[in-house]
Amino acid sequence: MKKVLISVVCLVFLFSLTGVSLAIAEETVKQEIQSDKEAIQAQKQEMKESATTAKSEEKALRQEIKSARASGDTAKAAELKQTLKAEHKENVQDRKSDKKALHAAKKELKQDKKAARRAGR
């Protein structure tokens, strides 16, 4: 009788440990998903700020080109135009890489959510 009672108590204890570990794992997954969401939001905000900065820099270069042309300095205007083209190309490349990184982060979040749903079953 003692052996049966001890076996039952051990089984109950093991099941309770499994339940606790599942609850901890579920909480960890929730925290991971939340941190992924926050990272995506921060990344979006950073992209917006970067785009705003790039636009203002390009606008300033265009204004300088306009001023140089108005003053008759065609050499400086041509130089600034080349600078503007290079700056714009770099900004477009940065934007593309930011979008790829954002896409990868969203994909990771989607996979985490999918894994959490599978684990919940």
Foldseek 3Di string as FASTA:
>chain_A
DVVVVVVVVVVVVVVVVVVVVLVVVLVVLVVVLVVLVVVLVVLVVVLVVLVVVLVVVLVVLVVVLVVCVVVVNVVVNVVSVVVSVVSVVVSVVVSVVSVVVSVVSVVVSVVSVVVSVVSVD
